[in-house]
C-alpha cells in the first residue's frame, strides 16, 4: 500500500455521488463501449446487461465483482486510455464534481492533511480524478490484469465495510489516530468509514445518513454541482 505524504491526519473521500455528481463506473462503461468500437445496438444491449446486475437480491459487493467481469478480454491500456478520455470530456462539459466537496478537499490539503479517495470504482476512472483534485492516494477496487489484459476477476474490492478496513489499515500503518481524521460519504454503505473517524461529513440528503448525522451532530454538505 503506497503511503500518503507525511501527515498527522487524513481526509477520506468516497467518490461516486460524494465527490462527483454521478456514478463513475456506469458513466464510464457506456463511453468505453463506444470507444472500443461497439455499435449503438450492441452498446445498448451491453448497457442493459450491466444495469441488470443491480437487480434485487444481489449485494453491492457481488454486483461490483460481476461488473468487472464485463472487462474480461480487453487490453488494460485501452481501458486506461478510455478512462482518461472519458474524464477529459466530463471536465470540459463541467458539472462533474460537487464543488463544495472539492472545496473541502482543497481546504484539507492546504491544512496539511493527506487526502485519500476510497471507492468501489477502479483506477481507469479514479486516477484522472485523483490527479485533477490533487488527492494523495486512491484506495479502490483492483481488477485483475494478466499480460496486459483484464481477466474479469477482481484482486480487491472496495465496497461497504471494505472501505473502513482499508482506511483503518492505512491509519494503523502510519500511526495516525482515527479521531484526528475526516471522512465524506453519501450512502449507507459509507457508514462504517464515517464512523471510523472523528470528523465525519454526510454529503447529500440520503435519509439514513441525514438521520445518523442528526443523531450524532455530524457535519453535512449539500453536494452542490459545479
C-alpha atoms as a PDB file:
ATOM      1  CA  UNK A   1       0.000   0.000   0.000  1.00  0.00           C
ATOM      2  CA  UNK A   2       1.543   3.318  -1.018  1.00  0.00           C
ATOM      3  CA  UNK A   3       1.794   5.759   1.912  1.00  0.00           C
ATOM      4  CA  UNK A   4       0.303   9.225   1.885  1.00  0.00           C
ATOM      5  CA  UNK A   5       2.728  12.105   2.396  1.00  0.00           C
ATOM      6  CA  UNK A   6       3.821  12.806   5.976  1.00  0.00           C
ATOM      7  CA  UNK A   7       0.726  13.995   7.806  1.00  0.00           C
ATOM      8  CA  UNK A   8      -0.865  13.760  11.222  1.00  0.00           C
ATOM      9  CA  UNK A   9      -4.382  13.329   9.820  1.00  0.00           C
ATOM     10  CA  UNK A  10      -6.156  12.063   6.721  1.00  0.00           C
ATOM     11  CA  UNK A  11      -9.313  13.183   4.923  1.00  0.00           C
ATOM     12  CA  UNK A  12     -11.058  10.265   3.206  1.00  0.00           C
ATOM     13  CA  UNK A  13     -13.484  10.871   0.352  1.00  0.00           C
ATOM     14  CA  UNK A  14     -15.952   8.476  -1.194  1.00  0.00           C
ATOM     15  CA  UNK A  15     -16.166   9.309  -4.908  1.00  0.00           C
ATOM     16  CA  UNK A  16     -19.450   8.358  -6.613  1.00  0.00           C
ATOM     17  CA  UNK A  17     -22.140  10.900  -5.717  1.00  0.00           C
ATOM     18  CA  UNK A  18     -19.930  12.288  -2.936  1.00  0.00           C
ATOM     19  CA  UNK A  19     -17.021  13.923  -4.729  1.00  0.00           C
ATOM     20  CA  UNK A  20     -18.650  13.507  -8.149  1.00  0.00           C
ATOM     21  CA  UNK A  21     -22.259  14.168  -9.119  1.00  0.00           C
ATOM     22  CA  UNK A  22     -22.771  10.734 -10.705  1.00  0.00           C
ATOM     23  CA  UNK A  23     -21.576   7.147 -10.669  1.00  0.00           C
ATOM     24  CA  UNK A  24     -18.211   6.821 -12.361  1.00  0.00           C
ATOM     25  CA  UNK A  25     -18.359   3.152 -13.417  1.00  0.00           C
ATOM     26  CA  UNK A  26     -21.788   3.424 -15.017  1.00  0.00           C
ATOM     27  CA  UNK A  27     -20.870   6.608 -16.849  1.00  0.00           C
ATOM     28  CA  UNK A  28     -17.524   5.283 -17.994  1.00  0.00           C
ATOM     29  CA  UNK A  29     -18.853   1.957 -19.287  1.00  0.00           C
ATOM     30  CA  UNK A  30     -21.096   3.448 -21.966  1.00  0.00           C
ATOM     31  CA  UNK A  31     -18.304   5.733 -23.122  1.00  0.00           C
ATOM     32  CA  UNK A  32     -15.858   2.828 -23.162  1.00  0.00           C
ATOM     33  CA  UNK A  33     -18.086   0.587 -25.268  1.00  0.00           C
ATOM     34  CA  UNK A  34     -18.280   3.239 -27.957  1.00  0.00           C
ATOM     35  CA  UNK A  35     -14.555   3.988 -27.692  1.00  0.00           C
ATOM     36  CA  UNK A  36     -13.594   0.357 -28.384  1.00  0.00           C
ATOM     37  CA  UNK A  37     -15.871   0.111 -31.410  1.00  0.00           C
ATOM     38  CA  UNK A  38     -19.230  -1.300 -30.324  1.00  0.00           C
ATOM     39  CA  UNK A  39     -22.122  -0.049 -32.439  1.00  0.00           C
ATOM     40  CA  UNK A  40     -25.229   1.546 -30.865  1.00  0.00           C
ATOM     41  CA  UNK A  41     -27.285  -1.673 -30.780  1.00  0.00           C
ATOM     42  CA  UNK A  42     -24.533  -3.758 -29.181  1.00  0.00           C
ATOM     43  CA  UNK A  43     -23.677  -0.927 -26.817  1.00  0.00           C
ATOM     44  CA  UNK A  44     -27.289  -0.651 -25.645  1.00  0.00           C
ATOM     45  CA  UNK A  45     -27.504  -4.419 -25.100  1.00  0.00           C
ATOM     46  CA  UNK A  46     -24.350  -4.481 -23.030  1.00  0.00           C
ATOM     47  CA  UNK A  47     -25.503  -1.485 -21.002  1.00  0.00           C
ATOM     48  CA  UNK A  48     -28.818  -3.190 -20.252  1.00  0.00           C
ATOM     49  CA  UNK A  49     -26.975  -6.294 -19.079  1.00  0.00           C
ATOM     50  CA  UNK A  50     -24.771  -4.177 -16.821  1.00  0.00           C
ATOM     51  CA  UNK A  51     -27.805  -2.380 -15.400  1.00  0.00           C
ATOM     52  CA  UNK A  52     -29.478  -5.721 -14.659  1.00  0.00           C
ATOM     53  CA  UNK A  53     -26.653  -6.520 -12.242  1.00  0.00           C
ATOM     54  CA  UNK A  54     -28.390  -4.200  -9.780  1.00  0.00           C
ATOM     55  CA  UNK A  55     -31.494  -6.388  -9.570  1.00  0.00           C
ATOM     56  CA  UNK A  56     -32.988  -7.054  -6.108  1.00  0.00           C
ATOM     57  CA  UNK A  57     -31.267  -9.722  -4.081  1.00  0.00           C
ATOM     58  CA  UNK A  58     -27.739  -9.074  -5.331  1.00  0.00           C
ATOM     59  CA  UNK A  59     -25.491  -7.360  -2.818  1.00  0.00           C
ATOM     60  CA  UNK A  60     -23.431  -4.352  -3.822  1.00  0.00           C
ATOM     61  CA  UNK A  61     -20.254  -6.393  -3.315  1.00  0.00           C
ATOM     62  CA  UNK A  62     -21.387  -9.140  -5.693  1.00  0.00           C
ATOM     63  CA  UNK A  63     -22.679  -6.662  -8.269  1.00  0.00           C
ATOM     64  CA  UNK A  64     -19.348  -4.859  -8.117  1.00  0.00           C
ATOM     65  CA  UNK A  65     -17.430  -8.043  -8.912  1.00  0.00           C
ATOM     66  CA  UNK A  66     -19.842  -9.014 -11.677  1.00  0.00           C
ATOM     67  CA  UNK A  67     -19.448  -5.616 -13.292  1.00  0.00           C
ATOM     68  CA  UNK A  68     -15.701  -6.062 -13.699  1.00  0.00           C
ATOM     69  CA  UNK A  69     -16.222  -9.366 -15.454  1.00  0.00           C
ATOM     70  CA  UNK A  70     -17.505  -7.235 -18.313  1.00  0.00           C
ATOM     71  CA  UNK A  71     -13.958  -6.017 -18.888  1.00  0.00           C
ATOM     72  CA  UNK A  72     -12.619  -9.527 -19.496  1.00  0.00           C
ATOM     73  CA  UNK A  73     -10.508  -9.739 -22.639  1.00  0.00           C
ATOM     74  CA  UNK A  74      -9.966  -6.014 -23.068  1.00  0.00           C
ATOM     75  CA  UNK A  75      -6.420  -4.674 -23.002  1.00  0.00           C
ATOM     76  CA  UNK A  76      -5.620  -2.679 -19.892  1.00  0.00           C
ATOM     77  CA  UNK A  77      -4.053   0.115 -21.929  1.00  0.00           C
ATOM     78  CA  UNK A  78      -7.276   0.535 -23.928  1.00  0.00           C
ATOM     79  CA  UNK A  79      -9.325   0.701 -20.720  1.00  0.00           C
ATOM     80  CA  UNK A  80      -6.953   3.254 -19.196  1.00  0.00           C
ATOM     81  CA  UNK A  81      -6.927   5.384 -22.347  1.00  0.00           C
ATOM     82  CA  UNK A  82     -10.719   5.376 -22.410  1.00  0.00           C
ATOM     83  CA  UNK A  83     -10.759   6.420 -18.759  1.00  0.00           C
ATOM     84  CA  UNK A  84      -8.601   9.447 -19.473  1.00  0.00           C
ATOM     85  CA  UNK A  85     -10.697  10.425 -22.497  1.00  0.00           C
ATOM     86  CA  UNK A  86     -13.933   9.915 -20.537  1.00  0.00           C
ATOM     87  CA  UNK A  87     -12.731  12.187 -17.749  1.00  0.00           C
ATOM     88  CA  UNK A  88     -11.449  14.839 -20.155  1.00  0.00           C
ATOM     89  CA  UNK A  89     -14.873  15.013 -21.776  1.00  0.00           C
ATOM     90  CA  UNK A  90     -16.600  15.480 -18.427  1.00  0.00           C
ATOM     91  CA  UNK A  91     -14.077  18.079 -17.322  1.00  0.00           C
ATOM     92  CA  UNK A  92     -14.730  20.097 -20.476  1.00  0.00           C
ATOM     93  CA  UNK A  93     -18.509  19.882 -20.058  1.00  0.00           C
ATOM     94  CA  UNK A  94     -18.483  20.869 -16.379  1.00  0.00           C
ATOM     95  CA  UNK A  95     -20.846  19.793 -13.643  1.00  0.00           C
ATOM     96  CA  UNK A  96     -18.907  16.601 -12.931  1.00  0.00           C
ATOM     97  CA  UNK A  97     -17.931  17.444  -9.346  1.00  0.00           C
ATOM     98  CA  UNK A  98     -19.722  18.631  -6.246  1.00  0.00           C
ATOM     99  CA  UNK A  99     -17.921  21.914  -5.846  1.00  0.00           C
ATOM    100  CA  UNK A 100     -18.490  22.121  -2.077  1.00  0.00           C
ATOM    101  CA  UNK A 101     -16.822  18.725  -1.614  1.00  0.00           C
ATOM    102  CA  UNK A 102     -13.937  19.620  -3.933  1.00  0.00           C
ATOM    103  CA  UNK A 103     -13.509  22.825  -1.925  1.00  0.00           C
ATOM    104  CA  UNK A 104     -13.408  20.776   1.277  1.00  0.00           C
ATOM    105  CA  UNK A 105     -10.720  18.520  -0.193  1.00  0.00           C
ATOM    106  CA  UNK A 106      -8.666  21.554  -1.213  1.00  0.00           C
ATOM    107  CA  UNK A 107      -9.026  23.026   2.283  1.00  0.00           C
ATOM    108  CA  UNK A 108      -7.767  19.807   3.873  1.00  0.00           C
ATOM    109  CA  UNK A 109      -4.802  19.759   1.515  1.00  0.00           C
ATOM    110  CA  UNK A 110      -3.993  23.357   2.388  1.00  0.00           C
ATOM    111  CA  UNK A 111      -4.138  22.453   6.088  1.00  0.00           C
ATOM    112  CA  UNK A 112      -1.556  19.708   5.554  1.00  0.00           C
ATOM    113  CA  UNK A 113      -3.824  16.662   5.689  1.00  0.00           C
ATOM    114  CA  UNK A 114      -3.315  13.710   3.376  1.00  0.00           C
ATOM    115  CA  UNK A 115      -6.303  13.287   1.060  1.00  0.00           C
ATOM    116  CA  UNK A 116      -7.423   9.793   0.065  1.00  0.00           C
ATOM    117  CA  UNK A 117     -10.140   8.684  -2.352  1.00  0.00           C
ATOM    118  CA  UNK A 118     -11.952   5.497  -1.266  1.00  0.00           C
ATOM    119  CA  UNK A 119     -14.187   3.937  -3.898  1.00  0.00           C
ATOM    120  CA  UNK A 120     -15.679   0.794  -5.381  1.00  0.00           C
ATOM    121  CA  UNK A 121     -14.755   2.225  -8.766  1.00  0.00           C
ATOM    122  CA  UNK A 122     -11.405   1.381 -10.369  1.00  0.00           C
ATOM    123  CA  UNK A 123      -8.170   3.077 -11.418  1.00  0.00           C
ATOM    124  CA  UNK A 124      -9.120   3.810 -15.045  1.00  0.00           C
ATOM    125  CA  UNK A 125     -11.844   6.125 -13.737  1.00  0.00           C
ATOM    126  CA  UNK A 126     -10.265   7.254 -10.493  1.00  0.00           C
ATOM    127  CA  UNK A 127      -6.666   8.046 -11.411  1.00  0.00           C
ATOM    128  CA  UNK A 128      -7.618  11.007 -13.655  1.00  0.00           C
ATOM    129  CA  UNK A 129      -9.980  12.275 -10.953  1.00  0.00           C
ATOM    130  CA  UNK A 130      -7.312  11.978  -8.262  1.00  0.00           C
ATOM    131  CA  UNK A 131      -4.782  13.825 -10.406  1.00  0.00           C
ATOM    132  CA  UNK A 132      -7.281  16.606 -11.108  1.00  0.00           C
ATOM    133  CA  UNK A 133      -8.248  17.248  -7.484  1.00  0.00           C
ATOM    134  CA  UNK A 134      -4.752  16.587  -6.121  1.00  0.00           C
ATOM    135  CA  UNK A 135      -5.603  13.556  -3.970  1.00  0.00           C
ATOM    136  CA  UNK A 136      -2.584  11.813  -2.494  1.00  0.00           C
ATOM    137  CA  UNK A 137      -3.798   8.224  -2.659  1.00  0.00           C
ATOM    138  CA  UNK A 138      -6.571   6.078  -4.136  1.00  0.00           C
ATOM    139  CA  UNK A 139      -7.987   3.047  -2.309  1.00  0.00           C
ATOM    140  CA  UNK A 140     -10.261   1.289  -4.772  1.00  0.00           C
ATOM    141  CA  UNK A 141     -11.384  -1.920  -6.443  1.00  0.00           C
ATOM    142  CA  UNK A 142      -8.492  -3.526  -8.313  1.00  0.00           C
ATOM    143  CA  UNK A 143      -9.418  -5.653 -11.348  1.00  0.00           C
ATOM    144  CA  UNK A 144      -7.013  -8.452 -12.197  1.00  0.00           C
ATOM    145  CA  UNK A 145      -4.779  -7.871 -15.223  1.00  0.00           C
ATOM    146  CA  UNK A 146      -2.551 -10.591 -16.709  1.00  0.00           C
ATOM    147  CA  UNK A 147      -0.177  -9.983 -19.584  1.00  0.00           C
ATOM    148  CA  UNK A 148      -1.763  -6.587 -20.076  1.00  0.00           C
ATOM    149  CA  UNK A 149      -5.323  -7.950 -20.408  1.00  0.00           C
ATOM    150  CA  UNK A 150      -8.247  -7.795 -17.983  1.00  0.00           C
ATOM    151  CA  UNK A 151      -9.221 -11.279 -16.783  1.00  0.00           C
ATOM    152  CA  UNK A 152     -12.631 -10.242 -15.470  1.00  0.00           C
ATOM    153  CA  UNK A 153     -11.683 -11.164 -11.913  1.00  0.00           C
ATOM    154  CA  UNK A 154     -11.088  -8.759  -9.056  1.00  0.00           C
ATOM    155  CA  UNK A 155      -7.954  -8.745  -6.897  1.00  0.00           C
ATOM    156  CA  UNK A 156      -9.521  -6.477  -4.305  1.00  0.00           C
ATOM    157  CA  UNK A 157     -12.941  -4.900  -3.975  1.00  0.00           C
ATOM    158  CA  UNK A 158     -13.690  -1.693  -2.099  1.00  0.00           C
ATOM    159  CA  UNK A 159     -17.375  -1.730  -1.200  1.00  0.00           C
ATOM    160  CA  UNK A 160     -19.054  -1.090   2.146  1.00  0.00           C
ATOM    161  CA  UNK A 161     -17.098  -2.406   5.127  1.00  0.00           C
ATOM    162  CA  UNK A 162     -14.004  -2.855   2.935  1.00  0.00           C
ATOM    163  CA  UNK A 163     -13.640   0.931   2.848  1.00  0.00           C
ATOM    164  CA  UNK A 164     -13.416   1.090   6.625  1.00  0.00           C
ATOM    165  CA  UNK A 165     -10.941  -1.793   6.757  1.00  0.00           C
ATOM    166  CA  UNK A 166      -8.674  -0.213   4.148  1.00  0.00           C
ATOM    167  CA  UNK A 167      -8.811   3.188   5.839  1.00  0.00           C
ATOM    168  CA  UNK A 168      -8.120   1.681   9.259  1.00  0.00           C
ATOM    169  CA  UNK A 169      -5.175  -0.315   7.898  1.00  0.00           C
ATOM    170  CA  UNK A 170      -3.710   2.829   6.347  1.00  0.00           C
ATOM    171  CA  UNK A 171      -4.018   4.780   9.592  1.00  0.00           C
ATOM    172  CA  UNK A 172      -2.546   1.940  11.635  1.00  0.00           C
ATOM    173  CA  UNK A 173       0.368   1.558   9.237  1.00  0.00           C
ATOM    174  CA  UNK A 174       1.267   5.232   9.601  1.00  0.00           C
ATOM    175  CA  UNK A 175       0.409   5.674  13.267  1.00  0.00           C
ATOM    176  CA  UNK A 176      -2.378   8.181  12.626  1.00  0.00           C
ATOM    177  CA  UNK A 177      -5.223   8.443  15.141  1.00  0.00           C
ATOM    178  CA  UNK A 178      -8.673   7.998  13.533  1.00  0.00           C
ATOM    179  CA  UNK A 179     -10.063  10.668  15.849  1.00  0.00           C
ATOM    180  CA  UNK A 180      -7.966  13.282  14.030  1.00  0.00           C
ATOM    181  CA  UNK A 181      -9.287  12.276  10.618  1.00  0.00           C
ATOM    182  CA  UNK A 182     -12.185  13.290   8.373  1.00  0.00           C
ATOM    183  CA  UNK A 183     -14.385  11.259   6.027  1.00  0.00           C
ATOM    184  CA  UNK A 184     -17.030  12.195   3.455  1.00  0.00           C
ATOM    185  CA  UNK A 185     -19.792   9.902   2.179  1.00  0.00           C
ATOM    186  CA  UNK A 186     -23.282   9.988   0.685  1.00  0.00           C
ATOM    187  CA  UNK A 187     -24.639   6.433   1.065  1.00  0.00           C
ATOM    188  CA  UNK A 188     -25.332   3.996   3.923  1.00  0.00           C
ATOM    189  CA  UNK A 189     -22.542   1.800   2.559  1.00  0.00           C
ATOM    190  CA  UNK A 190     -20.176   4.604   3.668  1.00  0.00           C
ATOM    191  CA  UNK A 191     -21.307   4.478   7.299  1.00  0.00           C
ATOM    192  CA  UNK A 192     -18.509   2.216   8.543  1.00  0.00           C
ATOM    193  CA  UNK A 193     -15.964   4.629   7.088  1.00  0.00           C
ATOM    194  CA  UNK A 194     -17.758   7.654   8.527  1.00  0.00           C
ATOM    195  CA  UNK A 195     -17.972   6.079  11.980  1.00  0.00           C
ATOM    196  CA  UNK A 196     -14.250   5.298  11.962  1.00  0.00           C
ATOM    197  CA  UNK A 197     -13.136   8.930  12.045  1.00  0.00           C
ATOM    198  CA  UNK A 198     -13.510  11.799  14.465  1.00  0.00           C
ATOM    199  CA  UNK A 199     -14.924  14.185  11.864  1.00  0.00           C
ATOM    200  CA  UNK A 200     -17.489  12.511   9.579  1.00  0.00           C
ATOM    201  CA  UNK A 201     -19.308  14.558   6.935  1.00  0.00           C
ATOM    202  CA  UNK A 202     -22.535  13.495   5.210  1.00  0.00           C
ATOM    203  CA  UNK A 203     -22.920  14.684   1.620  1.00  0.00           C
ATOM    204  CA  UNK A 204     -26.378  14.991   0.099  1.00  0.00           C
ATOM    205  CA  UNK A 205     -29.751  14.048   1.547  1.00  0.00           C
ATOM    206  CA  UNK A 206     -29.969  10.264   1.876  1.00  0.00           C
ATOM    207  CA  UNK A 207     -32.475   9.890   4.732  1.00  0.00           C
ATOM    208  CA  UNK A 208     -30.485   7.210   6.575  1.00  0.00           C
ATOM    209  CA  UNK A 209     -27.357   9.344   6.598  1.00  0.00           C
ATOM    210  CA  UNK A 210     -29.248  12.520   7.460  1.00  0.00           C
ATOM    211  CA  UNK A 211     -30.772  10.713  10.453  1.00  0.00           C
ATOM    212  CA  UNK A 212     -27.327   9.480  11.523  1.00  0.00           C
ATOM    213  CA  UNK A 213     -25.897  12.990  11.187  1.00  0.00           C
ATOM    214  CA  UNK A 214     -28.741  14.461  13.234  1.00  0.00           C
ATOM    215  CA  UNK A 215     -28.303  11.867  15.990  1.00  0.00           C
ATOM    216  CA  UNK A 216     -24.563  12.368  16.253  1.00  0.00           C
ATOM    217  CA  UNK A 217     -24.097  16.029  15.365  1.00  0.00           C
ATOM    218  CA  UNK A 218     -22.149  15.253  12.213  1.00  0.00           C
ATOM    219  CA  UNK A 219     -21.421  17.963   9.704  1.00  0.00           C
ATOM    220  CA  UNK A 220     -23.397  17.953   6.433  1.00  0.00           C
ATOM    221  CA  UNK A 221     -22.724  19.292   2.941  1.00  0.00           C
ATOM    222  CA  UNK A 222     -25.491  19.575   0.353  1.00  0.00           C
ATOM    223  CA  UNK A 223     -23.402  18.412  -2.603  1.00  0.00           C
ATOM    224  CA  UNK A 224     -23.557  21.359  -4.980  1.00  0.00           C
ATOM    225  CA  UNK A 225     -22.893  20.595  -8.682  1.00  0.00           C
ATOM    226  CA  UNK A 226     -20.405  22.920 -10.255  1.00  0.00           C
END
